[in-house]
Amino acid sequence: MMRRSLLLLGLVLLALRVQAEPVKEIVIEPVGDELKFKVTEFTVAPGETVRLIFKNTAKVMPHNVVVLNTDSPSVVNRVGTAAISAQDYVPNDPAILAYTKVAQPGETVEVTFKAPEKPGRYRYVCTFPGHYTLMQGVMVVSGKATS
């Protein structure tokens, strides 16, 4: 009886994993020790699960990736400015959709989040002090919803 229950549980777990929603992986790195991301634009579907992996290949500079729920330059400025005095350089701001922790040189960090349902352009920046003015990219939400 126990063996049968374990077999049934295993089949249920396997079925759940097969039905699991696909995840879109995005890998972002800096351009050496410049204040630039190599990937400055990527596209996802509305509501898609995104696994954003940040590989800090820089030799000396720490960086992070903060995804905003807007493309507004004034919001980018507000978040970037507030980050200077925020814990871990990520302010408590309603415009932040997702973020990685600050990665030291050679470190890889990641975050998994749901893309917005509304198609549009969503800015991502590094909020390590002063980096946000140059270190930016855009997540484009386009196409049909995945859910």
N, C-alpha and C. Protein backbone atom coordinates (compact mmCIF):
# COMPACT_ATOMS: atom_id res chain seq x y z
N MET A 1 0.82 -1.19 0.00
CA MET A 1 0.00 0.00 0.00
C MET A 1 0.88 1.26 0.00
N MET A 2 1.92 1.27 0.82
CA MET A 2 2.82 2.42 0.90
C MET A 2 3.53 2.63 -0.44
N ARG A 3 3.96 1.56 -1.05
CA ARG A 3 4.65 1.65 -2.34
C ARG A 3 3.72 2.25 -3.40
N ARG A 4 2.47 1.85 -3.38
CA ARG A 4 1.48 2.35 -4.32
C ARG A 4 1.25 3.85 -4.12
N SER A 5 1.17 4.28 -2.87
CA SER A 5 0.97 5.69 -2.56
C SER A 5 2.16 6.53 -3.03
N LEU A 6 3.36 6.01 -2.81
CA LEU A 6 4.56 6.74 -3.25
C LEU A 6 4.62 6.84 -4.77
N LEU A 7 4.23 5.76 -5.45
CA LEU A 7 4.21 5.77 -6.91
C LEU A 7 3.21 6.80 -7.41
N LEU A 8 2.04 6.83 -6.82
CA LEU A 8 1.00 7.79 -7.21
C LEU A 8 1.47 9.23 -6.96
N LEU A 9 2.09 9.46 -5.81
CA LEU A 9 2.61 10.79 -5.49
C LEU A 9 3.67 11.20 -6.51
N GLY A 10 4.54 10.29 -6.87
CA GLY A 10 5.58 10.56 -7.86
C GLY A 10 4.99 10.93 -9.21
N LEU A 11 3.94 10.22 -9.62
CA LEU A 11 3.28 10.52 -10.89
C LEU A 11 2.61 11.89 -10.87
N VAL A 12 2.00 12.23 -9.75
CA VAL A 12 1.35 13.54 -9.61
C VAL A 12 2.40 14.64 -9.69
N LEU A 13 3.51 14.48 -8.98
CA LEU A 13 4.57 15.49 -9.01
C LEU A 13 5.15 15.64 -10.41
N LEU A 14 5.32 14.53 -11.11
CA LEU A 14 5.84 14.57 -12.48
C LEU A 14 4.86 15.31 -13.39
N ALA A 15 3.59 15.05 -13.24
CA ALA A 15 2.57 15.73 -14.05
C ALA A 15 2.57 17.23 -13.77
N LEU A 16 2.72 17.61 -12.53
CA LEU A 16 2.77 19.03 -12.18
C LEU A 16 3.98 19.71 -12.81
N ARG A 17 5.10 19.02 -12.80
CA ARG A 17 6.31 19.61 -13.37
C ARG A 17 6.19 19.76 -14.88
N VAL A 18 5.55 18.80 -15.54
CA VAL A 18 5.36 18.87 -16.98
C VAL A 18 4.42 20.02 -17.33
N GLN A 19 3.40 20.27 -16.49
CA GLN A 19 2.45 21.33 -16.74
C GLN A 19 2.96 22.70 -16.28
N ALA A 20 4.10 22.73 -15.63
CA ALA A 20 4.62 23.99 -15.11
C ALA A 20 4.82 24.98 -16.25
N GLU A 21 4.59 26.20 -15.94
CA GLU A 21 4.70 27.29 -16.89
C GLU A 21 6.15 27.43 -17.36
N PRO A 22 6.35 27.65 -18.66
CA PRO A 22 7.72 27.85 -19.14
C PRO A 22 8.30 29.16 -18.59
N VAL A 23 9.59 29.16 -18.41
CA VAL A 23 10.28 30.34 -17.89
C VAL A 23 11.23 30.84 -18.96
N LYS A 24 11.18 32.13 -19.22
CA LYS A 24 12.10 32.75 -20.18
C LYS A 24 13.33 33.20 -19.42
N GLU A 25 14.49 32.69 -19.81
CA GLU A 25 15.74 33.08 -19.16
C GLU A 25 16.41 34.20 -19.94
N ILE A 26 16.79 35.23 -19.21
CA ILE A 26 17.51 36.36 -19.79
C ILE A 26 18.81 36.50 -19.00
N VAL A 27 19.93 36.52 -19.71
CA VAL A 27 21.23 36.69 -19.07
C VAL A 27 21.77 38.07 -19.44
N ILE A 28 22.12 38.82 -18.42
CA ILE A 28 22.65 40.17 -18.61
C ILE A 28 24.02 40.25 -17.95
N GLU A 29 24.94 40.93 -18.63
CA GLU A 29 26.30 41.16 -18.12
C GLU A 29 26.66 42.62 -18.37
N PRO A 30 27.62 43.14 -17.62
CA PRO A 30 28.13 44.47 -17.96
C PRO A 30 29.13 44.38 -19.10
N VAL A 31 29.41 45.52 -19.71
CA VAL A 31 30.47 45.61 -20.71
C VAL A 31 31.74 45.94 -19.96
N GLY A 32 32.53 44.91 -19.63
CA GLY A 32 33.77 45.13 -18.87
C GLY A 32 33.51 45.94 -17.62
N ASP A 33 34.32 46.98 -17.41
CA ASP A 33 34.13 47.87 -16.27
C ASP A 33 33.51 49.19 -16.70
N GLU A 34 32.86 49.19 -17.87
CA GLU A 34 32.12 50.38 -18.30
C GLU A 34 30.76 50.37 -17.62
N LEU A 35 30.13 51.50 -17.58
CA LEU A 35 28.79 51.59 -17.01
C LEU A 35 27.77 51.33 -18.11
N LYS A 36 27.78 50.10 -18.63
CA LYS A 36 26.88 49.69 -19.69
C LYS A 36 26.52 48.22 -19.50
N PHE A 37 25.30 47.88 -19.89
CA PHE A 37 24.89 46.48 -19.98
C PHE A 37 25.17 46.01 -21.40
N LYS A 38 25.61 44.75 -21.56
CA LYS A 38 25.77 44.18 -22.90
C LYS A 38 24.41 44.03 -23.57
N VAL A 39 23.43 43.55 -22.82
CA VAL A 39 22.06 43.40 -23.34
C VAL A 39 21.30 44.66 -22.94
N THR A 40 20.96 45.48 -23.94
CA THR A 40 20.25 46.72 -23.63
C THR A 40 18.77 46.63 -23.98
N GLU A 41 18.34 45.49 -24.52
CA GLU A 41 16.92 45.30 -24.78
C GLU A 41 16.62 43.81 -24.92
N PHE A 42 15.54 43.38 -24.30
CA PHE A 42 15.05 42.02 -24.50
C PHE A 42 13.53 42.05 -24.51
N THR A 43 12.93 41.04 -25.12
CA THR A 43 11.47 41.00 -25.28
C THR A 43 10.90 39.78 -24.60
N VAL A 44 9.79 39.99 -23.91
CA VAL A 44 9.05 38.91 -23.25
C VAL A 44 7.57 39.09 -23.57
N ALA A 45 6.80 38.03 -23.34
CA ALA A 45 5.36 38.09 -23.56
C ALA A 45 4.66 38.63 -22.31
N PRO A 46 3.49 39.21 -22.48
CA PRO A 46 2.73 39.68 -21.31
C PRO A 46 2.47 38.53 -20.33
N GLY A 47 2.74 38.76 -19.07
CA GLY A 47 2.50 37.76 -18.03
C GLY A 47 3.49 36.61 -18.00
N GLU A 48 4.49 36.64 -18.84
CA GLU A 48 5.47 35.54 -18.90
C GLU A 48 6.35 35.55 -17.65
N THR A 49 6.71 34.37 -17.19
CA THR A 49 7.65 34.26 -16.08
C THR A 49 9.06 34.46 -16.63
N VAL A 50 9.79 35.38 -16.01
CA VAL A 50 11.13 35.75 -16.46
C VAL A 50 12.13 35.40 -15.37
N ARG A 51 13.16 34.69 -15.75
CA ARG A 51 14.29 34.42 -14.84
C ARG A 51 15.45 35.27 -15.36
N LEU A 52 15.71 36.37 -14.67
CA LEU A 52 16.76 37.29 -15.07
C LEU A 52 18.03 36.92 -14.29
N ILE A 53 19.05 36.57 -15.03
CA ILE A 53 20.34 36.18 -14.44
C ILE A 53 21.34 37.28 -14.76
N PHE A 54 21.94 37.84 -13.71
CA PHE A 54 22.96 38.86 -13.91
C PHE A 54 24.31 38.29 -13.54
N LYS A 55 25.20 38.22 -14.54
CA LYS A 55 26.58 37.74 -14.33
C LYS A 55 27.48 38.97 -14.32
N ASN A 56 27.99 39.29 -13.15
CA ASN A 56 28.86 40.46 -13.07
C ASN A 56 30.27 40.07 -13.48
N THR A 57 30.54 40.27 -14.76
CA THR A 57 31.86 39.95 -15.32
C THR A 57 32.85 41.10 -15.18
N ALA A 58 32.42 42.18 -14.54
CA ALA A 58 33.31 43.32 -14.32
C ALA A 58 34.48 42.90 -13.43
N LYS A 59 35.59 43.58 -13.57
CA LYS A 59 36.79 43.28 -12.76
C LYS A 59 36.78 43.99 -11.41
N VAL A 60 36.18 45.20 -11.36
CA VAL A 60 36.26 45.97 -10.12
C VAL A 60 34.93 46.52 -9.61
N MET A 61 33.91 46.63 -10.46
CA MET A 61 32.68 47.32 -10.04
C MET A 61 31.54 46.38 -9.67
N PRO A 62 30.90 46.66 -8.55
CA PRO A 62 29.67 45.94 -8.23
C PRO A 62 28.50 46.51 -9.03
N HIS A 63 27.52 45.67 -9.33
CA HIS A 63 26.34 46.10 -10.09
C HIS A 63 25.12 45.29 -9.64
N ASN A 64 23.95 45.77 -10.03
CA ASN A 64 22.71 45.01 -9.88
C ASN A 64 21.83 45.31 -11.07
N VAL A 65 20.64 44.70 -11.10
CA VAL A 65 19.66 44.99 -12.13
C VAL A 65 18.33 45.23 -11.42
N VAL A 66 17.74 46.40 -11.67
CA VAL A 66 16.45 46.76 -11.09
C VAL A 66 15.49 47.02 -12.25
N VAL A 67 14.41 46.23 -12.32
CA VAL A 67 13.43 46.35 -13.39
C VAL A 67 12.28 47.21 -12.87
N LEU A 68 11.95 48.23 -13.65
CA LEU A 68 10.89 49.17 -13.27
C LEU A 68 9.59 48.87 -14.02
N ASN A 69 8.50 49.34 -13.48
CA ASN A 69 7.20 49.13 -14.14
C ASN A 69 6.84 50.28 -15.08
N THR A 70 7.86 50.98 -15.56
CA THR A 70 7.67 52.14 -16.43
C THR A 70 8.95 52.37 -17.23
N ASP A 71 8.84 53.24 -18.23
CA ASP A 71 10.01 53.66 -19.00
C ASP A 71 10.28 55.15 -18.77
N SER A 72 9.60 55.71 -17.79
CA SER A 72 9.67 57.15 -17.52
C SER A 72 11.05 57.58 -17.01
N PRO A 73 11.69 58.53 -17.71
CA PRO A 73 12.98 59.05 -17.25
C PRO A 73 12.91 59.66 -15.85
N SER A 74 11.81 60.30 -15.51
CA SER A 74 11.71 60.91 -14.18
C SER A 74 11.65 59.84 -13.08
N VAL A 75 11.02 58.71 -13.37
CA VAL A 75 10.98 57.62 -12.40
C VAL A 75 12.36 56.98 -12.28
N VAL A 76 13.03 56.81 -13.41
CA VAL A 76 14.40 56.28 -13.37
C VAL A 76 15.27 57.16 -12.49
N ASN A 77 15.16 58.46 -12.65
CA ASN A 77 15.93 59.41 -11.85
C ASN A 77 15.55 59.31 -10.37
N ARG A 78 14.26 59.23 -10.08
CA ARG A 78 13.79 59.14 -8.68
C ARG A 78 14.34 57.88 -8.01
N VAL A 79 14.22 56.75 -8.68
CA VAL A 79 14.69 55.48 -8.11
C VAL A 79 16.21 55.49 -7.97
N GLY A 80 16.90 55.95 -9.01
CA GLY A 80 18.36 55.98 -8.97
C GLY A 80 18.90 56.89 -7.89
N THR A 81 18.27 58.03 -7.71
CA THR A 81 18.69 58.98 -6.66
C THR A 81 18.41 58.41 -5.27
N ALA A 82 17.24 57.81 -5.09
CA ALA A 82 16.88 57.24 -3.78
C ALA A 82 17.76 56.05 -3.42
N ALA A 83 18.29 55.38 -4.41
CA ALA A 83 19.11 54.19 -4.16
C ALA A 83 20.40 54.51 -3.40
N ILE A 84 20.88 55.73 -3.54
CA ILE A 84 22.14 56.12 -2.90
C ILE A 84 22.11 55.86 -1.39
N SER A 85 20.98 56.15 -0.77
CA SER A 85 20.88 56.00 0.68
C SER A 85 20.04 54.78 1.10
N ALA A 86 19.63 53.97 0.15
CA ALA A 86 18.78 52.82 0.46
C ALA A 86 19.61 51.59 0.84
N GLN A 87 19.02 50.76 1.68
CA GLN A 87 19.68 49.51 2.05
C GLN A 87 19.91 48.68 0.80
N ASP A 88 21.11 48.18 0.62
CA ASP A 88 21.51 47.38 -0.54
C ASP A 88 21.29 48.12 -1.87
N TYR A 89 21.17 49.44 -1.82
CA TYR A 89 21.02 50.31 -2.99
C TYR A 89 19.74 50.03 -3.79
N VAL A 90 18.72 49.52 -3.11
CA VAL A 90 17.42 49.31 -3.73
C VAL A 90 16.38 50.01 -2.86
N PRO A 91 15.85 51.15 -3.32
CA PRO A 91 14.88 51.88 -2.49
C PRO A 91 13.52 51.19 -2.46
N ASN A 92 12.75 51.51 -1.46
CA ASN A 92 11.38 51.02 -1.38
C ASN A 92 10.54 51.96 -2.24
N ASP A 93 10.29 51.55 -3.49
CA ASP A 93 9.60 52.41 -4.43
C ASP A 93 8.58 51.58 -5.21
N PRO A 94 7.35 52.07 -5.35
CA PRO A 94 6.31 51.29 -6.04
C PRO A 94 6.60 51.05 -7.52
N ALA A 95 7.57 51.75 -8.09
CA ALA A 95 7.91 51.57 -9.50
C ALA A 95 8.81 50.35 -9.73
N ILE A 96 9.33 49.75 -8.65
CA ILE A 96 10.23 48.61 -8.80
C ILE A 96 9.42 47.33 -8.96
N LEU A 97 9.61 46.70 -10.11
CA LEU A 97 8.92 45.46 -10.43
C LEU A 97 9.71 44.25 -9.90
N ALA A 98 11.02 44.28 -10.05
CA ALA A 98 11.89 43.18 -9.60
C ALA A 98 13.32 43.70 -9.53
N TYR A 99 14.15 43.00 -8.75
CA TYR A 99 15.55 43.41 -8.68
C TYR A 99 16.43 42.25 -8.22
N THR A 100 17.69 42.34 -8.61
CA THR A 100 18.70 41.41 -8.08
C THR A 100 19.42 42.12 -6.95
N LYS A 101 20.07 41.35 -6.12
CA LYS A 101 20.94 41.98 -5.12
C LYS A 101 22.18 42.48 -5.86
N VAL A 102 22.95 43.29 -5.20
CA VAL A 102 24.19 43.79 -5.80
C VAL A 102 25.17 42.63 -5.91
N ALA A 103 25.71 42.45 -7.11
CA ALA A 103 26.68 41.39 -7.38
C ALA A 103 28.08 41.99 -7.39
N GLN A 104 28.94 41.40 -6.61
CA GLN A 104 30.34 41.81 -6.63
C GLN A 104 30.99 41.27 -7.90
N PRO A 105 32.14 41.80 -8.31
CA PRO A 105 32.82 41.30 -9.50
C PRO A 105 32.98 39.78 -9.44
N GLY A 106 32.60 39.11 -10.54
CA GLY A 106 32.70 37.66 -10.62
C GLY A 106 31.50 36.91 -10.07
N GLU A 107 30.57 37.61 -9.43
CA GLU A 107 29.41 36.97 -8.82
C GLU A 107 28.22 36.95 -9.79
N THR A 108 27.38 35.93 -9.66
CA THR A 108 26.15 35.82 -10.44
C THR A 108 24.97 35.84 -9.48
N VAL A 109 23.97 36.66 -9.80
CA VAL A 109 22.74 36.76 -9.00
C VAL A 109 21.56 36.64 -9.95
N GLU A 110 20.39 36.36 -9.40
CA GLU A 110 19.23 36.25 -10.27
C GLU A 110 17.95 36.58 -9.53
N VAL A 111 16.91 36.82 -10.32
CA VAL A 111 15.58 37.07 -9.79
C VAL A 111 14.58 36.50 -10.80
N THR A 112 13.50 35.94 -10.29
CA THR A 112 12.42 35.44 -11.14
C THR A 112 11.17 36.26 -10.85
N PHE A 113 10.50 36.71 -11.91
CA PHE A 113 9.33 37.55 -11.75
C PHE A 113 8.39 37.37 -12.93
N LYS A 114 7.18 37.87 -12.79
CA LYS A 114 6.19 37.87 -13.87
C LYS A 114 6.28 39.18 -14.62
N ALA A 115 6.35 39.10 -15.94
CA ALA A 115 6.32 40.31 -16.76
C ALA A 115 4.94 40.95 -16.63
N PRO A 116 4.87 42.26 -16.79
CA PRO A 116 3.57 42.92 -16.75
C PRO A 116 2.63 42.36 -17.83
N GLU A 117 1.35 42.43 -17.57
CA GLU A 117 0.34 41.99 -18.55
C GLU A 117 0.19 43.01 -19.67
N LYS A 118 0.50 44.27 -19.37
CA LYS A 118 0.32 45.34 -20.34
C LYS A 118 1.55 45.46 -21.25
N PRO A 119 1.35 45.32 -22.57
CA PRO A 119 2.48 45.50 -23.48
C PRO A 119 3.06 46.91 -23.34
N GLY A 120 4.35 47.00 -23.52
CA GLY A 120 5.01 48.29 -23.41
C GLY A 120 6.50 48.15 -23.19
N ARG A 121 7.13 49.26 -22.86
CA ARG A 121 8.57 49.31 -22.62
C ARG A 121 8.78 49.57 -21.13
N TYR A 122 9.64 48.76 -20.53
CA TYR A 122 9.90 48.85 -19.10
C TYR A 122 11.41 48.94 -18.90
N ARG A 123 11.85 50.01 -18.27
CA ARG A 123 13.28 50.29 -18.10
C ARG A 123 13.89 49.40 -17.03
N TYR A 124 15.13 48.99 -17.23
CA TYR A 124 15.92 48.37 -16.15
C TYR A 124 17.23 49.13 -16.02
N VAL A 125 17.71 49.24 -14.78
CA VAL A 125 18.89 50.05 -14.47
C VAL A 125 19.73 49.34 -13.42
N CYS A 126 20.96 49.79 -13.29
CA CYS A 126 21.80 49.43 -12.15
C CYS A 126 21.65 50.56 -11.14
N THR A 127 21.31 50.21 -9.90
CA THR A 127 21.12 51.26 -8.90
C THR A 127 22.30 51.40 -7.94
N PHE A 128 23.43 50.77 -8.25
CA PHE A 128 24.62 51.06 -7.46
C PHE A 128 24.88 52.56 -7.65
N PRO A 129 25.25 53.27 -6.58
CA PRO A 129 25.33 54.74 -6.64
C PRO A 129 25.99 55.30 -7.90
N GLY A 130 25.21 56.13 -8.60
CA GLY A 130 25.68 56.83 -9.78
C GLY A 130 25.59 56.05 -11.08
N HIS A 131 25.39 54.75 -11.03
CA HIS A 131 25.40 53.95 -12.24
C HIS A 131 24.13 54.10 -13.09
N TYR A 132 23.02 54.43 -12.46
CA TYR A 132 21.72 54.43 -13.16
C TYR A 132 21.65 55.40 -14.33
N THR A 133 22.47 56.45 -14.32
CA THR A 133 22.38 57.43 -15.40
C THR A 133 22.86 56.88 -16.74
N LEU A 134 23.76 55.91 -16.70
CA LEU A 134 24.30 55.33 -17.93
C LEU A 134 23.95 53.85 -18.11
N MET A 135 23.81 53.14 -17.03
CA MET A 135 23.65 51.68 -17.09
C MET A 135 22.16 51.34 -17.11
N GLN A 136 21.60 51.35 -18.33
CA GLN A 136 20.17 51.16 -18.52
C GLN A 136 19.88 50.25 -19.70
N GLY A 137 18.69 49.68 -19.66
CA GLY A 137 18.20 48.86 -20.77
C GLY A 137 16.69 48.87 -20.74
N VAL A 138 16.07 48.16 -21.68
CA VAL A 138 14.62 48.13 -21.78
C VAL A 138 14.13 46.70 -21.94
N MET A 139 13.14 46.34 -21.12
CA MET A 139 12.40 45.10 -21.28
C MET A 139 11.16 45.45 -22.09
N VAL A 140 11.01 44.85 -23.25
CA VAL A 140 9.85 45.10 -24.09
C VAL A 140 8.84 43.97 -23.83
N VAL A 141 7.64 44.33 -23.46
CA VAL A 141 6.57 43.35 -23.29
C VAL A 141 5.70 43.46 -24.53
N SER A 142 5.66 42.35 -25.29
CA SER A 142 5.00 42.38 -26.59
C SER A 142 4.44 41.00 -26.91
N GLY A 143 3.40 40.99 -27.72
CA GLY A 143 2.84 39.72 -28.18
C GLY A 143 1.66 39.28 -27.36
N LYS A 144 1.37 37.98 -27.45
CA LYS A 144 0.24 37.41 -26.74
C LYS A 144 0.64 36.99 -25.34
N ALA A 145 -0.31 37.09 -24.42
CA ALA A 145 -0.09 36.67 -23.03
C ALA A 145 0.17 35.17 -23.00
N THR A 146 1.01 34.76 -22.05
CA THR A 146 1.33 33.35 -21.91
C THR A 146 0.32 32.61 -21.06
N SER A 147 -0.48 33.32 -20.31
CA SER A 147 -1.43 32.65 -19.43
C SER A 147 -2.84 32.76 -19.94
